[in-house]
Amino acid sequence: MASIRFFAAAAEAAAVDAATIDAATIGALRAALTTRYGAEFERVLGRCSLLVNGTRATDDAVPLSGSDTVDVLPPFAGG
């Protein structure tokens, strides 16, 4: 199972900071997260970047293994 870490608005929408999910690809992970956390989380997830072991995953076909860590990062501003 991949370890998932939620940050900022993603953590608020999921009501957790971390989870484990069994998913073979980023696309399957998105579907599993939406099923688990609901429509509000899906709305937030649509704006988030997903990083697999620190590398941005831009394609739903990116494979996941049980040892991967996925960070769910909403857009943020800083100054």
C-alpha atoms as a PDB file:
ATOM      1  CA  MET A   1       0.000   0.000   0.000  1.00  0.00           C
ATOM      2  CA  ALA A   2       1.263   3.441  -0.911  1.00  0.00           C
ATOM      3  CA  SER A   3       1.563   6.023   1.870  1.00  0.00           C
ATOM      4  CA  ILE A   4      -0.398   9.190   1.142  1.00  0.00           C
ATOM      5  CA  ARG A   5       0.324  12.529   2.839  1.00  0.00           C
ATOM      6  CA  PHE A   6      -2.215  15.336   2.603  1.00  0.00           C
ATOM      7  CA  PHE A   7      -1.300  19.003   2.981  1.00  0.00           C
ATOM      8  CA  ALA A   8      -3.267  22.222   3.594  1.00  0.00           C
ATOM      9  CA  ALA A   9      -6.714  22.201   1.903  1.00  0.00           C
ATOM     10  CA  ALA A  10      -6.321  18.541   0.901  1.00  0.00           C
ATOM     11  CA  ALA A  11      -5.847  17.563   4.555  1.00  0.00           C
ATOM     12  CA  GLU A  12      -8.859  19.664   5.525  1.00  0.00           C
ATOM     13  CA  ALA A  13     -11.078  18.102   2.842  1.00  0.00           C
ATOM     14  CA  ALA A  14      -9.978  14.563   3.748  1.00  0.00           C
ATOM     15  CA  ALA A  15     -10.065  15.301   7.495  1.00  0.00           C
ATOM     16  CA  VAL A  16      -6.784  13.380   7.849  1.00  0.00           C
ATOM     17  CA  ASP A  17      -3.099  14.150   7.351  1.00  0.00           C
ATOM     18  CA  ALA A  18      -2.129  10.706   6.075  1.00  0.00           C
ATOM     19  CA  ALA A  19      -3.511   7.417   4.794  1.00  0.00           C
ATOM     20  CA  THR A  20      -2.502   4.233   3.029  1.00  0.00           C
ATOM     21  CA  ILE A  21      -4.155   3.195  -0.223  1.00  0.00           C
ATOM     22  CA  ASP A  22      -3.680   0.130  -2.393  1.00  0.00           C
ATOM     23  CA  ALA A  23      -3.575   1.454  -5.975  1.00  0.00           C
ATOM     24  CA  ALA A  24      -1.539   0.378  -9.001  1.00  0.00           C
ATOM     25  CA  THR A  25      -1.453   3.789 -10.725  1.00  0.00           C
ATOM     26  CA  ILE A  26      -1.971   7.466  -9.998  1.00  0.00           C
ATOM     27  CA  GLY A  27      -5.319   7.264 -11.819  1.00  0.00           C
ATOM     28  CA  ALA A  28      -6.450   4.396  -9.600  1.00  0.00           C
ATOM     29  CA  LEU A  29      -5.255   6.348  -6.570  1.00  0.00           C
ATOM     30  CA  ARG A  30      -7.321   9.404  -7.596  1.00  0.00           C
ATOM     31  CA  ALA A  31     -10.409   7.175  -7.936  1.00  0.00           C
ATOM     32  CA  ALA A  32      -9.798   5.480  -4.581  1.00  0.00           C
ATOM     33  CA  LEU A  33      -9.267   8.799  -2.805  1.00  0.00           C
ATOM     34  CA  THR A  34     -12.459  10.219  -4.299  1.00  0.00           C
ATOM     35  CA  THR A  35     -14.420   7.156  -3.210  1.00  0.00           C
ATOM     36  CA  ARG A  36     -12.979   7.295   0.298  1.00  0.00           C
ATOM     37  CA  TYR A  37     -13.199  11.059   0.940  1.00  0.00           C
ATOM     38  CA  GLY A  38     -16.125  12.237  -1.206  1.00  0.00           C
ATOM     39  CA  ALA A  39     -17.146  15.024  -3.549  1.00  0.00           C
ATOM     40  CA  GLU A  40     -15.576  17.942  -1.658  1.00  0.00           C
ATOM     41  CA  PHE A  41     -12.244  16.140  -1.601  1.00  0.00           C
ATOM     42  CA  GLU A  42     -12.595  15.401  -5.331  1.00  0.00           C
ATOM     43  CA  ARG A  43     -13.042  19.127  -5.989  1.00  0.00           C
ATOM     44  CA  VAL A  44      -9.852  19.929  -4.057  1.00  0.00           C
ATOM     45  CA  LEU A  45      -7.964  17.003  -5.593  1.00  0.00           C
ATOM     46  CA  GLY A  46      -8.665  18.368  -9.081  1.00  0.00           C
ATOM     47  CA  ARG A  47      -6.444  21.343  -8.266  1.00  0.00           C
ATOM     48  CA  CYS A  48      -3.702  19.441  -6.454  1.00  0.00           C
ATOM     49  CA  SER A  49      -0.291  18.303  -7.596  1.00  0.00           C
ATOM     50  CA  LEU A  50       0.655  14.738  -6.763  1.00  0.00           C
ATOM     51  CA  LEU A  51       4.281  13.935  -6.013  1.00  0.00           C
ATOM     52  CA  VAL A  52       5.457  10.331  -5.989  1.00  0.00           C
ATOM     53  CA  ASN A  53       8.607  10.036  -3.900  1.00  0.00           C
ATOM     54  CA  GLY A  54       9.226  13.745  -4.498  1.00  0.00           C
ATOM     55  CA  THR A  55       8.672  13.697  -8.276  1.00  0.00           C
ATOM     56  CA  ARG A  56       5.573  15.299  -9.784  1.00  0.00           C
ATOM     57  CA  ALA A  57       3.223  12.733 -11.345  1.00  0.00           C
ATOM     58  CA  THR A  58       1.445  14.406 -14.272  1.00  0.00           C
ATOM     59  CA  ASP A  59       0.085  11.262 -15.936  1.00  0.00           C
ATOM     60  CA  ASP A  60      -2.583   8.972 -14.474  1.00  0.00           C
ATOM     61  CA  ALA A  61      -0.631   5.995 -15.863  1.00  0.00           C
ATOM     62  CA  VAL A  62       2.301   6.562 -13.451  1.00  0.00           C
ATOM     63  CA  PRO A  63       2.698   3.251 -11.596  1.00  0.00           C
ATOM     64  CA  LEU A  64       2.654   2.993  -7.804  1.00  0.00           C
ATOM     65  CA  SER A  65       4.208   0.392  -5.554  1.00  0.00           C
ATOM     66  CA  GLY A  66       3.642  -0.387  -1.918  1.00  0.00           C
ATOM     67  CA  SER A  67       6.813   1.438  -0.919  1.00  0.00           C
ATOM     68  CA  ASP A  68       5.868   4.752  -2.597  1.00  0.00           C
ATOM     69  CA  THR A  69       4.969   7.943  -0.765  1.00  0.00           C
ATOM     70  CA  VAL A  70       2.490  10.236  -2.511  1.00  0.00           C
ATOM     71  CA  ASP A  71       2.141  13.854  -1.432  1.00  0.00           C
ATOM     72  CA  VAL A  72      -1.137  15.613  -2.235  1.00  0.00           C
ATOM     73  CA  LEU A  73      -0.298  19.314  -2.535  1.00  0.00           C
ATOM     74  CA  PRO A  74      -2.913  21.977  -3.225  1.00  0.00           C
ATOM     75  CA  PRO A  75      -1.786  25.158  -4.962  1.00  0.00           C
ATOM     76  CA  PHE A  76      -0.395  27.718  -2.566  1.00  0.00           C
ATOM     77  CA  ALA A  77       0.905  31.256  -2.685  1.00  0.00           C
ATOM     78  CA  GLY A  78       3.784  32.712  -0.821  1.00  0.00           C
ATOM     79  CA  GLY A  79       5.738  35.840  -0.649  1.00  0.00           C
END
